[in-house]
Amino acid sequence: MKLIVIYGPPAAGKLTVSKELSRITGYKVFHNHLAIDFIESVLDRSNAKFWELLDRYRIGLIEAASHNTQ
């Protein structure tokens, strides 16, 4: 598995760049906001479990992708 991390300030165009990179390379995009929205649909960010679950969700998804043999 190849992993590219795009990091930058809010509204810098990270998702736009990620989508174009995905189009060019065929790599998948892990849209972090979807992960946050998923957890936030049940828990507020002020809840300590929010951050714990978000970390577990992110790590679990990346681990599952790393074992994908496609």
PDB file of N, CA and C in Angstrom:
ATOM      1  N   MET A   1       0.842  -1.175   0.000  1.00  0.00           N
ATOM      2  CA  MET A   1       0.000   0.000   0.000  1.00  0.00           C
ATOM      3  C   MET A   1       0.885   1.234   0.000  1.00  0.00           C
ATOM      4  N   LYS A   2       0.530   2.188  -0.817  1.00  0.00           N
ATOM      5  CA  LYS A   2       1.212   3.473  -0.819  1.00  0.00           C
ATOM      6  C   LYS A   2       0.305   4.474  -0.131  1.00  0.00           C
ATOM      7  N   LEU A   3       0.898   5.297   0.709  1.00  0.00           N
ATOM      8  CA  LEU A   3       0.144   6.279   1.474  1.00  0.00           C
ATOM      9  C   LEU A   3       0.752   7.650   1.240  1.00  0.00           C
ATOM     10  N   ILE A   4      -0.075   8.578   0.805  1.00  0.00           N
ATOM     11  CA  ILE A   4       0.350   9.961   0.620  1.00  0.00           C
ATOM     12  C   ILE A   4      -0.457  10.808   1.590  1.00  0.00           C
ATOM     13  N   VAL A   5       0.225  11.594   2.387  1.00  0.00           N
ATOM     14  CA  VAL A   5      -0.442  12.469   3.350  1.00  0.00           C
ATOM     15  C   VAL A   5      -0.331  13.900   2.836  1.00  0.00           C
ATOM     16  N   ILE A   6      -1.477  14.555   2.734  1.00  0.00           N
ATOM     17  CA  ILE A   6      -1.507  15.956   2.328  1.00  0.00           C
ATOM     18  C   ILE A   6      -1.959  16.753   3.537  1.00  0.00           C
ATOM     19  N   TYR A   7      -1.108  17.641   3.980  1.00  0.00           N
ATOM     20  CA  TYR A   7      -1.340  18.395   5.205  1.00  0.00           C
ATOM     21  C   TYR A   7      -1.261  19.882   4.900  1.00  0.00           C
ATOM     22  N   GLY A   8      -2.133  20.644   5.521  1.00  0.00           N
ATOM     23  CA  GLY A   8      -2.087  22.086   5.334  1.00  0.00           C
ATOM     24  C   GLY A   8      -3.197  22.772   6.103  1.00  0.00           C
ATOM     25  N   PRO A   9      -3.226  24.092   6.052  1.00  0.00           N
ATOM     26  CA  PRO A   9      -4.227  24.851   6.794  1.00  0.00           C
ATOM     27  C   PRO A   9      -5.627  24.663   6.193  1.00  0.00           C
ATOM     28  N   PRO A  10      -6.657  25.023   6.950  1.00  0.00           N
ATOM     29  CA  PRO A  10      -8.023  24.918   6.435  1.00  0.00           C
ATOM     30  C   PRO A  10      -8.184  25.706   5.131  1.00  0.00           C
ATOM     31  N   ALA A  11      -8.991  25.154   4.244  1.00  0.00           N
ATOM     32  CA  ALA A  11      -9.366  25.800   2.977  1.00  0.00           C
ATOM     33  C   ALA A  11      -8.171  26.071   2.062  1.00  0.00           C
ATOM     34  N   ALA A  12      -7.141  25.231   2.165  1.00  0.00           N
ATOM     35  CA  ALA A  12      -5.952  25.403   1.317  1.00  0.00           C
ATOM     36  C   ALA A  12      -6.061  24.623   0.010  1.00  0.00           C
ATOM     37  N   GLY A  13      -7.070  23.761  -0.103  1.00  0.00           N
ATOM     38  CA  GLY A  13      -7.245  22.975  -1.319  1.00  0.00           C
ATOM     39  C   GLY A  13      -6.761  21.543  -1.215  1.00  0.00           C
ATOM     40  N   LYS A  14      -6.610  21.040   0.001  1.00  0.00           N
ATOM     41  CA  LYS A  14      -6.103  19.676   0.194  1.00  0.00           C
ATOM     42  C   LYS A  14      -6.999  18.634  -0.481  1.00  0.00           C
ATOM     43  N   LEU A  15      -8.306  18.754  -0.297  1.00  0.00           N
ATOM     44  CA  LEU A  15      -9.221  17.775  -0.886  1.00  0.00           C
ATOM     45  C   LEU A  15      -9.230  17.887  -2.408  1.00  0.00           C
ATOM     46  N   THR A  16      -9.171  19.099  -2.918  1.00  0.00           N
ATOM     47  CA  THR A  16      -9.119  19.296  -4.370  1.00  0.00           C
ATOM     48  C   THR A  16      -7.875  18.634  -4.958  1.00  0.00           C
ATOM     49  N   VAL A  17      -6.735  18.840  -4.319  1.00  0.00           N
ATOM     50  CA  VAL A  17      -5.490  18.220  -4.768  1.00  0.00           C
ATOM     51  C   VAL A  17      -5.589  16.699  -4.637  1.00  0.00           C
ATOM     52  N   SER A  18      -6.167  16.225  -3.536  1.00  0.00           N
ATOM     53  CA  SER A  18      -6.313  14.782  -3.317  1.00  0.00           C
ATOM     54  C   SER A  18      -7.163  14.135  -4.395  1.00  0.00           C
ATOM     55  N   LYS A  19      -8.264  14.772  -4.747  1.00  0.00           N
ATOM     56  CA  LYS A  19      -9.149  14.214  -5.774  1.00  0.00           C
ATOM     57  C   LYS A  19      -8.448  14.153  -7.126  1.00  0.00           C
ATOM     58  N   GLU A  20      -7.693  15.173  -7.457  1.00  0.00           N
ATOM     59  CA  GLU A  20      -6.964  15.173  -8.732  1.00  0.00           C
ATOM     60  C   GLU A  20      -5.867  14.112  -8.723  1.00  0.00           C
ATOM     61  N   LEU A  21      -5.160  13.998  -7.608  1.00  0.00           N
ATOM     62  CA  LEU A  21      -4.131  12.967  -7.481  1.00  0.00           C
ATOM     63  C   LEU A  21      -4.752  11.576  -7.613  1.00  0.00           C
ATOM     64  N   SER A  22      -5.920  11.397  -7.033  1.00  0.00           N
ATOM     65  CA  SER A  22      -6.627  10.126  -7.142  1.00  0.00           C
ATOM     66  C   SER A  22      -7.007   9.840  -8.590  1.00  0.00           C
ATOM     67  N   ARG A  23      -7.468  10.856  -9.292  1.00  0.00           N
ATOM     68  CA  ARG A  23      -7.848  10.695 -10.689  1.00  0.00           C
ATOM     69  C   ARG A  23      -6.644  10.280 -11.546  1.00  0.00           C
ATOM     70  N   ILE A  24      -5.515  10.887 -11.261  1.00  0.00           N
ATOM     71  CA  ILE A  24      -4.308  10.614 -12.044  1.00  0.00           C
ATOM     72  C   ILE A  24      -3.700   9.249 -11.708  1.00  0.00           C
ATOM     73  N   THR A  25      -3.673   8.913 -10.430  1.00  0.00           N
ATOM     74  CA  THR A  25      -2.961   7.710  -9.985  1.00  0.00           C
ATOM     75  C   THR A  25      -3.854   6.493  -9.747  1.00  0.00           C
ATOM     76  N   GLY A  26      -5.151   6.737  -9.518  1.00  0.00           N
ATOM     77  CA  GLY A  26      -6.040   5.636  -9.151  1.00  0.00           C
ATOM     78  C   GLY A  26      -6.016   5.332  -7.664  1.00  0.00           C
ATOM     79  N   TYR A  27      -5.245   6.090  -6.891  1.00  0.00           N
ATOM     80  CA  TYR A  27      -5.199   5.898  -5.438  1.00  0.00           C
ATOM     81  C   TYR A  27      -6.534   6.319  -4.828  1.00  0.00           C
ATOM     82  N   LYS A  28      -6.872   5.727  -3.709  1.00  0.00           N
ATOM     83  CA  LYS A  28      -8.077   6.076  -2.963  1.00  0.00           C
ATOM     84  C   LYS A  28      -7.809   7.329  -2.122  1.00  0.00           C
ATOM     85  N   VAL A  29      -8.894   8.042  -1.804  1.00  0.00           N
ATOM     86  CA  VAL A  29      -8.791   9.238  -0.959  1.00  0.00           C
ATOM     87  C   VAL A  29      -9.493   8.962   0.364  1.00  0.00           C
ATOM     88  N   PHE A  30      -8.787   9.159   1.453  1.00  0.00           N
ATOM     89  CA  PHE A  30      -9.393   9.109   2.781  1.00  0.00           C
ATOM     90  C   PHE A  30      -9.795  10.541   3.113  1.00  0.00           C
ATOM     91  N   HIS A  31     -11.087  10.798   3.040  1.00  0.00           N
ATOM     92  CA  HIS A  31     -11.625  12.139   3.281  1.00  0.00           C
ATOM     93  C   HIS A  31     -11.850  12.293   4.787  1.00  0.00           C
ATOM     94  N   ASN A  32     -10.947  12.982   5.442  1.00  0.00           N
ATOM     95  CA  ASN A  32     -10.967  13.098   6.893  1.00  0.00           C
ATOM     96  C   ASN A  32     -12.258  13.702   7.423  1.00  0.00           C
ATOM     97  N   HIS A  33     -12.846  14.636   6.694  1.00  0.00           N
ATOM     98  CA  HIS A  33     -14.080  15.259   7.172  1.00  0.00           C
ATOM     99  C   HIS A  33     -15.218  14.251   7.271  1.00  0.00           C
ATOM    100  N   LEU A  34     -15.217  13.251   6.398  1.00  0.00           N
ATOM    101  CA  LEU A  34     -16.250  12.224   6.487  1.00  0.00           C
ATOM    102  C   LEU A  34     -16.092  11.399   7.756  1.00  0.00           C
ATOM    103  N   ALA A  35     -14.857  11.142   8.143  1.00  0.00           N
ATOM    104  CA  ALA A  35     -14.601  10.418   9.389  1.00  0.00           C
ATOM    105  C   ALA A  35     -15.105  11.230  10.580  1.00  0.00           C
ATOM    106  N   ILE A  36     -14.813  12.518  10.565  1.00  0.00           N
ATOM    107  CA  ILE A  36     -15.261  13.398  11.655  1.00  0.00           C
ATOM    108  C   ILE A  36     -16.786  13.467  11.675  1.00  0.00           C
ATOM    109  N   ASP A  37     -17.402  13.667  10.512  1.00  0.00           N
ATOM    110  CA  ASP A  37     -18.863  13.761  10.438  1.00  0.00           C
ATOM    111  C   ASP A  37     -19.531  12.487  10.924  1.00  0.00           C
ATOM    112  N   PHE A  38     -18.928  11.337  10.603  1.00  0.00           N
ATOM    113  CA  PHE A  38     -19.463  10.043  11.025  1.00  0.00           C
ATOM    114  C   PHE A  38     -19.562   9.963  12.546  1.00  0.00           C
ATOM    115  N   ILE A  39     -18.480  10.291  13.241  1.00  0.00           N
ATOM    116  CA  ILE A  39     -18.470  10.241  14.704  1.00  0.00           C
ATOM    117  C   ILE A  39     -19.338  11.356  15.281  1.00  0.00           C
ATOM    118  N   GLU A  40     -19.272  12.530  14.673  1.00  0.00           N
ATOM    119  CA  GLU A  40     -20.007  13.690  15.188  1.00  0.00           C
ATOM    120  C   GLU A  40     -21.526  13.523  15.041  1.00  0.00           C
ATOM    121  N   SER A  41     -21.959  12.596  14.205  1.00  0.00           N
ATOM    122  CA  SER A  41     -23.393  12.360  14.079  1.00  0.00           C
ATOM    123  C   SER A  41     -23.973  11.760  15.362  1.00  0.00           C
ATOM    124  N   VAL A  42     -23.096  11.239  16.214  1.00  0.00           N
ATOM    125  CA  VAL A  42     -23.541  10.618  17.457  1.00  0.00           C
ATOM    126  C   VAL A  42     -22.979  11.328  18.692  1.00  0.00           C
ATOM    127  N   LEU A  43     -21.735  11.772  18.620  1.00  0.00           N
ATOM    128  CA  LEU A  43     -21.074  12.384  19.778  1.00  0.00           C
ATOM    129  C   LEU A  43     -20.609  13.802  19.453  1.00  0.00           C
ATOM    130  N   ASP A  44     -20.670  14.681  20.448  1.00  0.00           N
ATOM    131  CA  ASP A  44     -20.123  16.027  20.312  1.00  0.00           C
ATOM    132  C   ASP A  44     -18.601  15.971  20.421  1.00  0.00           C
ATOM    133  N   ARG A  45     -17.943  16.935  19.800  1.00  0.00           N
ATOM    134  CA  ARG A  45     -16.484  17.001  19.877  1.00  0.00           C
ATOM    135  C   ARG A  45     -15.987  17.225  21.298  1.00  0.00           C
ATOM    136  N   SER A  46     -16.832  17.754  22.164  1.00  0.00           N
ATOM    137  CA  SER A  46     -16.437  17.984  23.554  1.00  0.00           C
ATOM    138  C   SER A  46     -16.397  16.686  24.365  1.00  0.00           C
ATOM    139  N   ASN A  47     -16.959  15.620  23.827  1.00  0.00           N
ATOM    140  CA  ASN A  47     -16.957  14.323  24.487  1.00  0.00           C
ATOM    141  C   ASN A  47     -15.591  13.661  24.266  1.00  0.00           C
ATOM    142  N   ALA A  48     -14.946  13.257  25.357  1.00  0.00           N
ATOM    143  CA  ALA A  48     -13.614  12.640  25.248  1.00  0.00           C
ATOM    144  C   ALA A  48     -13.642  11.397  24.365  1.00  0.00           C
ATOM    145  N   LYS A  49     -14.734  10.662  24.356  1.00  0.00           N
ATOM    146  CA  LYS A  49     -14.846   9.464  23.521  1.00  0.00           C
ATOM    147  C   LYS A  49     -14.837   9.805  22.035  1.00  0.00           C
ATOM    148  N   PHE A  50     -15.253  11.028  21.680  1.00  0.00           N
ATOM    149  CA  PHE A  50     -15.245  11.449  20.279  1.00  0.00           C
ATOM    150  C   PHE A  50     -13.860  11.260  19.677  1.00  0.00           C
ATOM    151  N   TRP A  51     -12.846  11.804  20.343  1.00  0.00           N
ATOM    152  CA  TRP A  51     -11.478  11.772  19.817  1.00  0.00           C
ATOM    153  C   TRP A  51     -10.908  10.364  19.849  1.00  0.00           C
ATOM    154  N   GLU A  52     -11.246   9.601  20.880  1.00  0.00           N
ATOM    155  CA  GLU A  52     -10.787   8.214  20.956  1.00  0.00           C
ATOM    156  C   GLU A  52     -11.358   7.393  19.800  1.00  0.00           C
ATOM    157  N   LEU A  53     -12.655   7.535  19.558  1.00  0.00           N
ATOM    158  CA  LEU A  53     -13.288   6.795  18.465  1.00  0.00           C
ATOM    159  C   LEU A  53     -12.777   7.251  17.106  1.00  0.00           C
ATOM    160  N   LEU A  54     -12.549   8.543  16.957  1.00  0.00           N
ATOM    161  CA  LEU A  54     -12.033   9.050  15.688  1.00  0.00           C
ATOM    162  C   LEU A  54     -10.664   8.457  15.387  1.00  0.00           C
ATOM    163  N   ASP A  55      -9.808   8.417  16.381  1.00  0.00           N
ATOM    164  CA  ASP A  55      -8.481   7.813  16.194  1.00  0.00           C
ATOM    165  C   ASP A  55      -8.600   6.338  15.832  1.00  0.00           C
ATOM    166  N   ARG A  56      -9.464   5.610  16.549  1.00  0.00           N
ATOM    167  CA  ARG A  56      -9.632   4.177  16.276  1.00  0.00           C
ATOM    168  C   ARG A  56     -10.194   3.939  14.884  1.00  0.00           C
ATOM    169  N   TYR A  57     -11.138   4.774  14.463  1.00  0.00           N
ATOM    170  CA  TYR A  57     -11.739   4.650  13.137  1.00  0.00           C
ATOM    171  C   TYR A  57     -10.691   4.894  12.046  1.00  0.00           C
ATOM    172  N   ARG A  58      -9.933   5.964  12.195  1.00  0.00           N
ATOM    173  CA  ARG A  58      -8.889   6.287  11.211  1.00  0.00           C
ATOM    174  C   ARG A  58      -7.861   5.169  11.107  1.00  0.00           C
ATOM    175  N   ILE A  59      -7.328   4.755  12.256  1.00  0.00           N
ATOM    176  CA  ILE A  59      -6.297   3.721  12.274  1.00  0.00           C
ATOM    177  C   ILE A  59      -6.844   2.403  11.737  1.00  0.00           C
ATOM    178  N   GLY A  60      -8.050   2.026  12.169  1.00  0.00           N
ATOM    179  CA  GLY A  60      -8.654   0.778  11.702  1.00  0.00           C
ATOM    180  C   GLY A  60      -8.856   0.755  10.199  1.00  0.00           C
ATOM    181  N   LEU A  61      -9.281   1.873   9.645  1.00  0.00           N
ATOM    182  CA  LEU A  61      -9.498   1.940   8.207  1.00  0.00           C
ATOM    183  C   LEU A  61      -8.186   1.852   7.432  1.00  0.00           C
ATOM    184  N   ILE A  62      -7.161   2.537   7.919  1.00  0.00           N
ATOM    185  CA  ILE A  62      -5.860   2.483   7.259  1.00  0.00           C
ATOM    186  C   ILE A  62      -5.262   1.081   7.376  1.00  0.00           C
ATOM    187  N   GLU A  63      -5.417   0.449   8.534  1.00  0.00           N
ATOM    188  CA  GLU A  63      -4.930  -0.927   8.690  1.00  0.00           C
ATOM    189  C   GLU A  63      -5.654  -1.868   7.734  1.00  0.00           C
ATOM    190  N   ALA A  64      -6.969  -1.735   7.620  1.00  0.00           N
ATOM    191  CA  ALA A  64      -7.734  -2.598   6.716  1.00  0.00           C
ATOM    192  C   ALA A  64      -7.278  -2.385   5.271  1.00  0.00           C
ATOM    193  N   ALA A  65      -7.051  -1.154   4.904  1.00  0.00           N
ATOM    194  CA  ALA A  65      -6.594  -0.849   3.538  1.00  0.00           C
ATOM    195  C   ALA A  65      -5.212  -1.438   3.280  1.00  0.00           C
ATOM    196  N   SER A  66      -4.379  -1.459   4.298  1.00  0.00           N
ATOM    197  CA  SER A  66      -3.014  -1.968   4.116  1.00  0.00           C
ATOM    198  C   SER A  66      -3.004  -3.476   3.895  1.00  0.00           C
ATOM    199  N   HIS A  67      -4.060  -4.160   4.313  1.00  0.00           N
ATOM    200  CA  HIS A  67      -4.153  -5.605   4.125  1.00  0.00           C
ATOM    201  C   HIS A  67      -4.929  -5.970   2.875  1.00  0.00           C
ATOM    202  N   ASN A  68      -5.452  -4.984   2.186  1.00  0.00           N
ATOM    203  CA  ASN A  68      -6.213  -5.219   0.967  1.00  0.00           C
ATOM    204  C   ASN A  68      -5.249  -5.701  -0.126  1.00  0.00           C
ATOM    205  N   THR A  69      -5.577  -6.803  -0.749  1.00  0.00           N
ATOM    206  CA  THR A  69      -4.656  -7.395  -1.731  1.00  0.00           C
ATOM    207  C   THR A  69      -5.109  -7.171  -3.171  1.00  0.00           C
ATOM    208  N   GLN A  70      -5.901  -6.165  -3.428  1.00  0.00           N
ATOM    209  CA  GLN A  70      -6.377  -5.920  -4.795  1.00  0.00           C
ATOM    210  C   GLN A  70      -5.248  -5.623  -5.710  1.00  0.00           C
TER     211      GLN A  70
END
